[in-house]
Amino acid sequence: MPAVFGRRRRLFAVYAGVLGIGAALFMSSAPAETLRVAIDKAHIMKMPDRVATIVIGNPLVADASLQPGGILVITGKGYGATNLLALDRAGKVVMDDTVQVQGAAGGDLVVVYKGVERETYSCAPQCEHRMTLGDSAAYFNGIVAQAGSRTLPTQNTPGQQR
C-alpha cells in the first residue's frame, strides 16, 4: 500500500510542476496589442531588426508590406479585425498583434440613404463622391470605374509621341 501512495505523490508532484511551468509561461507572455487603422489609410510602424516575414490573417481586412530598414506599412482594406504575425528568419513568432480596421474618422462624411440604396460623400468643403464599403453596388462600382479610368495607362497610337 505505501508504494501506491508514493506513486500518487510523485504523480501529483509532476502535475504540479507542469501546471507551474504553464502558469509561468502564460504570465510571462506579453499580451497581444491591438493596432487600430482607418479603412483606406496607411499606418507605419518600426519592426525589430530580426523580423524577416510578415503574415496577415485576413488580407481582405488589412494588407502589410515590410520595407527596407524594418519599416512596416499596414493598410486598412475592409472593416473588421485580423491578426498580424511577424516571424524571424528561423520562423519563430516575434510578434502577434491584432489589427482592427475601423471606419473613417472625421465629421466630413455624409451618408445618404435612398430606400435600401446607400451613397457616401466626403464633404470638405464641398461634397464629392466617396468609395466606401457598404455602399450600393451600382454607386460603388461607378466610383471605382471612374477612379480606375484615371489610373489606366494611356496607349500610344502609331506615330504618336509621348
N, C-alpha and C. Protein backbone atom coordinates (compact mmCIF):
# COMPACT_ATOMS: atom_id res chain seq x y z
N MET A 1 0.80 -1.20 0.00
CA MET A 1 0.00 0.00 0.00
C MET A 1 0.84 1.27 0.00
N PRO A 2 1.96 1.32 0.78
CA PRO A 2 2.79 2.52 0.76
C PRO A 2 3.34 2.82 -0.62
N ALA A 3 3.56 1.81 -1.46
CA ALA A 3 4.07 2.03 -2.82
C ALA A 3 3.05 2.79 -3.66
N VAL A 4 1.76 2.52 -3.46
CA VAL A 4 0.70 3.20 -4.20
C VAL A 4 0.68 4.68 -3.82
N PHE A 5 0.77 4.98 -2.52
CA PHE A 5 0.77 6.38 -2.08
C PHE A 5 2.01 7.12 -2.56
N GLY A 6 3.15 6.42 -2.65
CA GLY A 6 4.39 7.03 -3.14
C GLY A 6 4.27 7.42 -4.61
N ARG A 7 3.62 6.54 -5.41
CA ARG A 7 3.40 6.86 -6.82
C ARG A 7 2.46 8.04 -6.98
N ARG A 8 1.44 8.07 -6.16
CA ARG A 8 0.49 9.18 -6.23
C ARG A 8 1.16 10.50 -5.89
N ARG A 9 2.04 10.49 -4.90
CA ARG A 9 2.76 11.72 -4.54
C ARG A 9 3.64 12.19 -5.69
N ARG A 10 4.35 11.24 -6.31
CA ARG A 10 5.21 11.60 -7.44
C ARG A 10 4.38 12.12 -8.60
N LEU A 11 3.26 11.45 -8.89
CA LEU A 11 2.38 11.89 -9.97
C LEU A 11 1.83 13.28 -9.67
N PHE A 12 1.43 13.50 -8.41
CA PHE A 12 0.94 14.83 -8.01
C PHE A 12 2.04 15.88 -8.18
N ALA A 13 3.26 15.55 -7.82
CA ALA A 13 4.38 16.48 -7.95
C ALA A 13 4.64 16.81 -9.42
N VAL A 14 4.52 15.82 -10.29
CA VAL A 14 4.71 16.05 -11.73
C VAL A 14 3.62 16.97 -12.25
N TYR A 15 2.36 16.70 -11.89
CA TYR A 15 1.24 17.55 -12.32
C TYR A 15 1.42 18.99 -11.83
N ALA A 16 1.82 19.13 -10.58
CA ALA A 16 2.02 20.47 -10.01
C ALA A 16 3.15 21.19 -10.75
N GLY A 17 4.19 20.48 -11.09
CA GLY A 17 5.30 21.10 -11.83
C GLY A 17 4.87 21.56 -13.21
N VAL A 18 4.11 20.70 -13.91
CA VAL A 18 3.62 21.07 -15.25
C VAL A 18 2.72 22.29 -15.16
N LEU A 19 1.81 22.30 -14.20
CA LEU A 19 0.92 23.46 -14.03
C LEU A 19 1.71 24.72 -13.70
N GLY A 20 2.71 24.59 -12.86
CA GLY A 20 3.54 25.75 -12.50
C GLY A 20 4.28 26.31 -13.70
N ILE A 21 4.85 25.44 -14.52
CA ILE A 21 5.56 25.88 -15.72
C ILE A 21 4.59 26.55 -16.70
N GLY A 22 3.41 25.93 -16.88
CA GLY A 22 2.40 26.51 -17.77
C GLY A 22 1.96 27.88 -17.29
N ALA A 23 1.75 28.03 -15.99
CA ALA A 23 1.35 29.33 -15.45
C ALA A 23 2.45 30.36 -15.65
N ALA A 24 3.70 29.96 -15.44
CA ALA A 24 4.81 30.89 -15.62
C ALA A 24 4.92 31.34 -17.07
N LEU A 25 4.74 30.42 -18.01
CA LEU A 25 4.79 30.79 -19.42
C LEU A 25 3.64 31.71 -19.78
N PHE A 26 2.46 31.42 -19.24
CA PHE A 26 1.29 32.26 -19.54
C PHE A 26 1.49 33.67 -18.99
N MET A 27 2.02 33.79 -17.80
CA MET A 27 2.20 35.10 -17.17
C MET A 27 3.33 35.89 -17.83
N SER A 28 4.34 35.21 -18.37
CA SER A 28 5.48 35.92 -18.94
C SER A 28 5.24 36.39 -20.37
N SER A 29 4.25 35.80 -21.05
CA SER A 29 4.00 36.22 -22.43
C SER A 29 3.32 37.58 -22.43
N ALA A 30 3.78 38.44 -23.31
CA ALA A 30 3.22 39.78 -23.41
C ALA A 30 1.85 39.72 -24.06
N PRO A 31 0.91 40.51 -23.56
CA PRO A 31 -0.42 40.49 -24.18
C PRO A 31 -0.36 41.05 -25.60
N ALA A 32 -1.20 40.50 -26.46
CA ALA A 32 -1.24 40.97 -27.83
C ALA A 32 -1.79 42.39 -27.86
N GLU A 33 -1.18 43.22 -28.65
CA GLU A 33 -1.62 44.60 -28.78
C GLU A 33 -2.67 44.69 -29.88
N THR A 34 -3.50 45.72 -29.82
CA THR A 34 -4.46 45.97 -30.88
C THR A 34 -4.06 47.26 -31.58
N LEU A 35 -3.79 47.14 -32.86
CA LEU A 35 -3.42 48.28 -33.69
C LEU A 35 -4.67 48.73 -34.44
N ARG A 36 -5.07 49.96 -34.28
CA ARG A 36 -6.27 50.48 -34.93
C ARG A 36 -5.86 51.28 -36.18
N VAL A 37 -6.45 50.90 -37.32
CA VAL A 37 -6.17 51.54 -38.60
C VAL A 37 -7.50 51.93 -39.23
N ALA A 38 -7.57 53.13 -39.80
CA ALA A 38 -8.77 53.55 -40.51
C ALA A 38 -8.79 52.90 -41.89
N ILE A 39 -9.99 52.61 -42.36
CA ILE A 39 -10.13 51.99 -43.67
C ILE A 39 -9.56 52.93 -44.74
N ASP A 40 -8.88 52.38 -45.70
CA ASP A 40 -8.26 53.11 -46.81
C ASP A 40 -7.14 54.04 -46.35
N LYS A 41 -6.60 53.83 -45.18
CA LYS A 41 -5.49 54.63 -44.66
C LYS A 41 -4.31 53.71 -44.39
N ALA A 42 -3.12 54.27 -44.43
CA ALA A 42 -1.90 53.51 -44.14
C ALA A 42 -1.37 53.91 -42.78
N HIS A 43 -0.79 52.94 -42.11
CA HIS A 43 -0.15 53.16 -40.81
C HIS A 43 1.27 52.62 -40.90
N ILE A 44 2.23 53.38 -40.40
CA ILE A 44 3.64 52.97 -40.47
C ILE A 44 4.13 52.65 -39.07
N MET A 45 4.86 51.54 -38.95
CA MET A 45 5.46 51.20 -37.67
C MET A 45 6.83 50.57 -37.88
N LYS A 46 7.69 50.73 -36.91
CA LYS A 46 9.05 50.19 -36.95
C LYS A 46 9.04 48.79 -36.34
N MET A 47 9.63 47.86 -37.05
CA MET A 47 9.70 46.48 -36.60
C MET A 47 11.08 46.19 -36.02
N PRO A 48 11.19 45.17 -35.15
CA PRO A 48 12.51 44.77 -34.66
C PRO A 48 13.39 44.33 -35.83
N ASP A 49 14.70 44.46 -35.67
CA ASP A 49 15.64 44.15 -36.75
C ASP A 49 15.56 42.70 -37.22
N ARG A 50 15.22 41.79 -36.36
CA ARG A 50 15.25 40.36 -36.72
C ARG A 50 14.03 39.90 -37.50
N VAL A 51 13.04 40.75 -37.75
CA VAL A 51 11.83 40.36 -38.48
C VAL A 51 12.17 40.14 -39.95
N ALA A 52 11.77 38.97 -40.48
CA ALA A 52 12.04 38.64 -41.88
C ALA A 52 10.76 38.44 -42.68
N THR A 53 9.67 38.05 -42.01
CA THR A 53 8.43 37.73 -42.71
C THR A 53 7.25 38.31 -41.95
N ILE A 54 6.27 38.82 -42.71
CA ILE A 54 5.03 39.34 -42.14
C ILE A 54 3.89 38.51 -42.69
N VAL A 55 2.95 38.13 -41.82
CA VAL A 55 1.78 37.36 -42.22
C VAL A 55 0.53 38.07 -41.72
N ILE A 56 -0.43 38.29 -42.63
CA ILE A 56 -1.73 38.87 -42.27
C ILE A 56 -2.75 37.74 -42.33
N GLY A 57 -3.53 37.58 -41.27
CA GLY A 57 -4.52 36.51 -41.22
C GLY A 57 -5.58 36.62 -42.30
N ASN A 58 -6.15 37.80 -42.47
CA ASN A 58 -7.21 38.00 -43.47
C ASN A 58 -6.84 39.20 -44.34
N PRO A 59 -6.32 38.96 -45.55
CA PRO A 59 -5.90 40.07 -46.41
C PRO A 59 -7.06 40.91 -46.95
N LEU A 60 -8.31 40.49 -46.72
CA LEU A 60 -9.44 41.34 -47.11
C LEU A 60 -9.68 42.44 -46.09
N VAL A 61 -9.15 42.28 -44.87
CA VAL A 61 -9.29 43.28 -43.82
C VAL A 61 -8.12 44.24 -43.83
N ALA A 62 -6.89 43.72 -43.95
CA ALA A 62 -5.70 44.58 -43.91
C ALA A 62 -4.63 44.01 -44.81
N ASP A 63 -3.71 44.88 -45.22
CA ASP A 63 -2.57 44.49 -46.03
C ASP A 63 -1.33 45.02 -45.34
N ALA A 64 -0.23 44.29 -45.42
CA ALA A 64 1.01 44.74 -44.79
C ALA A 64 2.17 44.51 -45.74
N SER A 65 3.10 45.45 -45.72
CA SER A 65 4.27 45.37 -46.57
C SER A 65 5.50 45.74 -45.74
N LEU A 66 6.47 44.84 -45.69
CA LEU A 66 7.71 45.07 -44.96
C LEU A 66 8.70 45.76 -45.89
N GLN A 67 9.13 46.94 -45.51
CA GLN A 67 10.04 47.75 -46.31
C GLN A 67 11.47 47.64 -45.77
N PRO A 68 12.46 48.03 -46.56
CA PRO A 68 13.84 48.01 -46.06
C PRO A 68 13.97 48.86 -44.80
N GLY A 69 14.85 48.43 -43.91
CA GLY A 69 15.06 49.16 -42.67
C GLY A 69 14.07 48.79 -41.58
N GLY A 70 13.29 47.72 -41.80
CA GLY A 70 12.34 47.29 -40.78
C GLY A 70 11.10 48.14 -40.66
N ILE A 71 10.75 48.86 -41.72
CA ILE A 71 9.54 49.68 -41.72
C ILE A 71 8.38 48.83 -42.24
N LEU A 72 7.29 48.79 -41.48
CA LEU A 72 6.10 48.04 -41.87
C LEU A 72 4.99 49.02 -42.21
N VAL A 73 4.38 48.84 -43.37
CA VAL A 73 3.25 49.67 -43.80
C VAL A 73 2.01 48.79 -43.76
N ILE A 74 1.03 49.18 -42.94
CA ILE A 74 -0.22 48.45 -42.81
C ILE A 74 -1.33 49.32 -43.39
N THR A 75 -2.13 48.75 -44.28
CA THR A 75 -3.23 49.48 -44.92
C THR A 75 -4.55 48.80 -44.59
N GLY A 76 -5.53 49.59 -44.14
CA GLY A 76 -6.87 49.06 -43.87
C GLY A 76 -7.61 48.84 -45.16
N LYS A 77 -8.06 47.61 -45.41
CA LYS A 77 -8.75 47.25 -46.66
C LYS A 77 -10.24 47.06 -46.48
N GLY A 78 -10.66 46.50 -45.36
CA GLY A 78 -12.07 46.23 -45.10
C GLY A 78 -12.33 46.28 -43.61
N TYR A 79 -13.58 46.43 -43.23
CA TYR A 79 -13.92 46.53 -41.82
C TYR A 79 -13.71 45.20 -41.12
N GLY A 80 -13.27 45.27 -39.87
CA GLY A 80 -13.13 44.06 -39.07
C GLY A 80 -11.77 43.98 -38.41
N ALA A 81 -11.46 42.78 -37.93
CA ALA A 81 -10.20 42.55 -37.23
C ALA A 81 -9.52 41.33 -37.83
N THR A 82 -8.20 41.34 -37.79
CA THR A 82 -7.39 40.21 -38.22
C THR A 82 -6.13 40.21 -37.38
N ASN A 83 -5.31 39.20 -37.55
CA ASN A 83 -4.06 39.18 -36.80
C ASN A 83 -2.87 39.48 -37.71
N LEU A 84 -1.82 39.98 -37.10
CA LEU A 84 -0.57 40.30 -37.78
C LEU A 84 0.53 39.53 -37.08
N LEU A 85 1.22 38.67 -37.82
CA LEU A 85 2.33 37.90 -37.26
C LEU A 85 3.64 38.38 -37.88
N ALA A 86 4.65 38.52 -37.06
CA ALA A 86 5.99 38.84 -37.54
C ALA A 86 6.89 37.66 -37.16
N LEU A 87 7.61 37.13 -38.15
CA LEU A 87 8.48 35.98 -37.94
C LEU A 87 9.93 36.35 -38.20
N ASP A 88 10.84 35.72 -37.46
CA ASP A 88 12.26 35.93 -37.74
C ASP A 88 12.69 34.93 -38.81
N ARG A 89 13.97 34.93 -39.17
CA ARG A 89 14.46 34.07 -40.25
C ARG A 89 14.31 32.58 -39.94
N ALA A 90 14.28 32.23 -38.66
CA ALA A 90 14.12 30.83 -38.26
C ALA A 90 12.65 30.41 -38.21
N GLY A 91 11.74 31.34 -38.45
CA GLY A 91 10.31 31.03 -38.43
C GLY A 91 9.67 31.19 -37.07
N LYS A 92 10.41 31.73 -36.11
CA LYS A 92 9.88 31.94 -34.76
C LYS A 92 9.02 33.20 -34.76
N VAL A 93 7.87 33.13 -34.08
CA VAL A 93 6.96 34.27 -33.99
C VAL A 93 7.57 35.30 -33.04
N VAL A 94 7.84 36.49 -33.58
CA VAL A 94 8.40 37.59 -32.80
C VAL A 94 7.30 38.51 -32.29
N MET A 95 6.20 38.61 -33.05
CA MET A 95 5.11 39.50 -32.69
C MET A 95 3.80 38.88 -33.18
N ASP A 96 2.75 38.98 -32.36
CA ASP A 96 1.41 38.52 -32.73
C ASP A 96 0.44 39.57 -32.21
N ASP A 97 0.01 40.45 -33.08
CA ASP A 97 -0.88 41.55 -32.71
C ASP A 97 -2.18 41.47 -33.49
N THR A 98 -3.17 42.19 -33.01
CA THR A 98 -4.46 42.30 -33.69
C THR A 98 -4.50 43.62 -34.45
N VAL A 99 -5.00 43.58 -35.68
CA VAL A 99 -5.22 44.80 -36.46
C VAL A 99 -6.73 44.99 -36.56
N GLN A 100 -7.20 46.12 -36.04
CA GLN A 100 -8.62 46.46 -36.07
C GLN A 100 -8.81 47.57 -37.10
N VAL A 101 -9.58 47.29 -38.16
CA VAL A 101 -9.82 48.29 -39.19
C VAL A 101 -11.20 48.90 -38.94
N GLN A 102 -11.21 50.23 -38.81
CA GLN A 102 -12.43 50.95 -38.47
C GLN A 102 -12.78 51.92 -39.57
N GLY A 103 -13.98 52.47 -39.47
CA GLY A 103 -14.43 53.46 -40.43
C GLY A 103 -13.63 54.74 -40.34
N ALA A 104 -13.76 55.56 -41.36
CA ALA A 104 -13.03 56.82 -41.42
C ALA A 104 -13.49 57.75 -40.30
N ALA A 105 -12.55 58.42 -39.69
CA ALA A 105 -12.87 59.38 -38.64
C ALA A 105 -13.07 60.76 -39.26
N GLY A 106 -13.76 61.58 -38.57
CA GLY A 106 -13.95 62.94 -39.06
C GLY A 106 -15.41 63.24 -39.30
N GLY A 107 -15.74 64.51 -39.24
CA GLY A 107 -17.12 64.93 -39.40
C GLY A 107 -17.49 65.30 -40.81
N ASP A 108 -16.61 65.03 -41.79
CA ASP A 108 -16.90 65.45 -43.17
C ASP A 108 -17.58 64.36 -43.98
N LEU A 109 -17.96 63.25 -43.36
CA LEU A 109 -18.59 62.13 -44.06
C LEU A 109 -20.11 62.27 -43.99
N VAL A 110 -20.76 62.17 -45.16
CA VAL A 110 -22.22 62.23 -45.23
C VAL A 110 -22.69 60.96 -45.92
N VAL A 111 -23.62 60.25 -45.26
CA VAL A 111 -24.19 59.02 -45.82
C VAL A 111 -25.64 59.31 -46.19
N VAL A 112 -25.99 59.02 -47.45
CA VAL A 112 -27.33 59.27 -47.96
C VAL A 112 -27.99 57.92 -48.25
N TYR A 113 -29.18 57.74 -47.69
CA TYR A 113 -29.96 56.53 -47.94
C TYR A 113 -31.13 56.87 -48.84
N LYS A 114 -31.28 56.09 -49.91
CA LYS A 114 -32.40 56.23 -50.84
C LYS A 114 -33.11 54.89 -50.83
N GLY A 115 -34.02 54.71 -49.89
CA GLY A 115 -34.62 53.40 -49.67
C GLY A 115 -33.56 52.48 -49.11
N VAL A 116 -33.26 51.40 -49.82
CA VAL A 116 -32.22 50.47 -49.37
C VAL A 116 -30.86 50.81 -49.99
N GLU A 117 -30.83 51.76 -50.90
CA GLU A 117 -29.58 52.16 -51.56
C GLU A 117 -28.82 53.13 -50.66
N ARG A 118 -27.51 52.98 -50.60
CA ARG A 118 -26.67 53.84 -49.77
C ARG A 118 -25.56 54.46 -50.60
N GLU A 119 -25.32 55.77 -50.39
CA GLU A 119 -24.23 56.50 -51.04
C GLU A 119 -23.47 57.27 -49.98
N THR A 120 -22.15 57.36 -50.14
CA THR A 120 -21.33 58.08 -49.18
C THR A 120 -20.62 59.22 -49.89
N TYR A 121 -20.58 60.37 -49.22
CA TYR A 121 -19.93 61.56 -49.76
C TYR A 121 -18.95 62.11 -48.73
N SER A 122 -17.87 62.67 -49.22
CA SER A 122 -16.91 63.38 -48.39
C SER A 122 -17.15 64.86 -48.63
N CYS A 123 -17.51 65.57 -47.60
CA CYS A 123 -17.94 66.96 -47.73
C CYS A 123 -16.98 67.90 -47.02
N ALA A 124 -15.86 68.19 -47.62
CA ALA A 124 -14.90 69.12 -47.02
C ALA A 124 -14.13 69.82 -48.13
N PRO A 125 -14.44 71.00 -48.54
CA PRO A 125 -15.55 71.87 -48.14
C PRO A 125 -16.83 71.59 -48.93
N GLN A 126 -16.74 70.98 -50.12
CA GLN A 126 -17.97 70.65 -50.83
C GLN A 126 -18.05 69.14 -51.00
N CYS A 127 -19.25 68.62 -51.18
CA CYS A 127 -19.47 67.17 -51.22
C CYS A 127 -19.01 66.56 -52.54
N GLU A 128 -18.25 65.46 -52.42
CA GLU A 128 -17.78 64.69 -53.56
C GLU A 128 -18.05 63.22 -53.28
N HIS A 129 -18.22 62.44 -54.36
CA HIS A 129 -18.44 61.00 -54.21
C HIS A 129 -17.27 60.38 -53.48
N ARG A 130 -17.55 59.34 -52.69
CA ARG A 130 -16.51 58.64 -51.93
C ARG A 130 -16.76 57.15 -52.03
N MET A 131 -15.72 56.37 -52.28
CA MET A 131 -15.84 54.91 -52.31
C MET A 131 -15.80 54.41 -50.87
N THR A 132 -16.88 53.77 -50.44
CA THR A 132 -16.95 53.24 -49.08
C THR A 132 -17.59 51.86 -49.11
N LEU A 133 -16.95 50.91 -48.45
CA LEU A 133 -17.54 49.58 -48.35
C LEU A 133 -18.91 49.70 -47.72
N GLY A 134 -19.87 49.00 -48.27
CA GLY A 134 -21.23 49.04 -47.76
C GLY A 134 -22.16 49.89 -48.60
N ASP A 135 -21.59 50.71 -49.51
CA ASP A 135 -22.44 51.49 -50.42
C ASP A 135 -23.11 50.55 -51.42
N SER A 136 -24.17 51.04 -52.05
CA SER A 136 -24.89 50.26 -53.06
C SER A 136 -23.92 49.87 -54.18
N ALA A 137 -24.14 48.70 -54.74
CA ALA A 137 -23.23 48.17 -55.75
C ALA A 137 -23.09 49.09 -56.96
N ALA A 138 -24.19 49.60 -57.48
CA ALA A 138 -24.13 50.46 -58.67
C ALA A 138 -23.35 51.74 -58.38
N TYR A 139 -23.60 52.35 -57.23
CA TYR A 139 -22.90 53.58 -56.84
C TYR A 139 -21.41 53.30 -56.66
N PHE A 140 -21.09 52.27 -55.89
CA PHE A 140 -19.70 51.92 -55.60
C PHE A 140 -18.95 51.57 -56.88
N ASN A 141 -19.54 50.72 -57.72
CA ASN A 141 -18.87 50.32 -58.96
C ASN A 141 -18.67 51.49 -59.91
N GLY A 142 -19.61 52.43 -59.94
CA GLY A 142 -19.44 53.63 -60.76
C GLY A 142 -18.27 54.47 -60.32
N ILE A 143 -18.10 54.62 -59.00
CA ILE A 143 -16.97 55.40 -58.46
C ILE A 143 -15.65 54.67 -58.74
N VAL A 144 -15.64 53.36 -58.55
CA VAL A 144 -14.43 52.57 -58.82
C VAL A 144 -14.05 52.67 -60.29
N ALA A 145 -15.03 52.62 -61.19
CA ALA A 145 -14.75 52.72 -62.63
C ALA A 145 -14.16 54.08 -62.97
N GLN A 146 -14.71 55.15 -62.38
CA GLN A 146 -14.16 56.48 -62.64
C GLN A 146 -12.73 56.59 -62.14
N ALA A 147 -12.49 56.11 -60.92
CA ALA A 147 -11.13 56.19 -60.36
C ALA A 147 -10.18 55.32 -61.17
N GLY A 148 -10.64 54.14 -61.59
CA GLY A 148 -9.79 53.25 -62.38
C GLY A 148 -9.43 53.82 -63.73
N SER A 149 -10.35 54.57 -64.33
CA SER A 149 -10.06 55.15 -65.65
C SER A 149 -8.99 56.22 -65.56
N ARG A 150 -8.81 56.80 -64.40
CA ARG A 150 -7.77 57.82 -64.23
C ARG A 150 -6.40 57.21 -64.04
N THR A 151 -6.34 55.94 -63.62
CA THR A 151 -5.05 55.31 -63.35
C THR A 151 -4.59 54.38 -64.46
N LEU A 152 -5.45 54.09 -65.44
CA LEU A 152 -5.04 53.22 -66.54
C LEU A 152 -4.04 53.94 -67.43
N PRO A 153 -3.00 53.24 -67.86
CA PRO A 153 -2.03 53.89 -68.76
C PRO A 153 -2.68 54.19 -70.11
N THR A 154 -2.35 55.33 -70.65
CA THR A 154 -2.86 55.67 -71.98
C THR A 154 -2.02 54.95 -73.01
N GLN A 155 -2.67 54.51 -74.08
CA GLN A 155 -1.95 53.78 -75.12
C GLN A 155 -1.58 54.77 -76.24
N ASN A 156 -0.38 54.62 -76.71
CA ASN A 156 0.07 55.45 -77.84
C ASN A 156 -0.48 54.88 -79.14
N THR A 157 -0.92 55.76 -79.98
CA THR A 157 -1.29 55.33 -81.32
C THR A 157 -0.03 55.36 -82.18
N PRO A 158 0.03 54.55 -83.22
CA PRO A 158 1.26 54.53 -84.04
C PRO A 158 1.61 55.94 -84.53
N GLY A 159 2.88 56.27 -84.39
CA GLY A 159 3.37 57.57 -84.85
C GLY A 159 3.17 58.69 -83.84
N GLN A 160 2.52 58.39 -82.70
CA GLN A 160 2.28 59.43 -81.72
C GLN A 160 3.40 59.44 -80.69
N GLN A 161 3.91 60.59 -80.38
CA GLN A 161 4.96 60.74 -79.38
C GLN A 161 4.35 61.05 -78.03
N ARG A 162 4.99 60.63 -76.98
CA ARG A 162 4.53 60.99 -75.62
C ARG A 162 5.27 62.16 -75.11
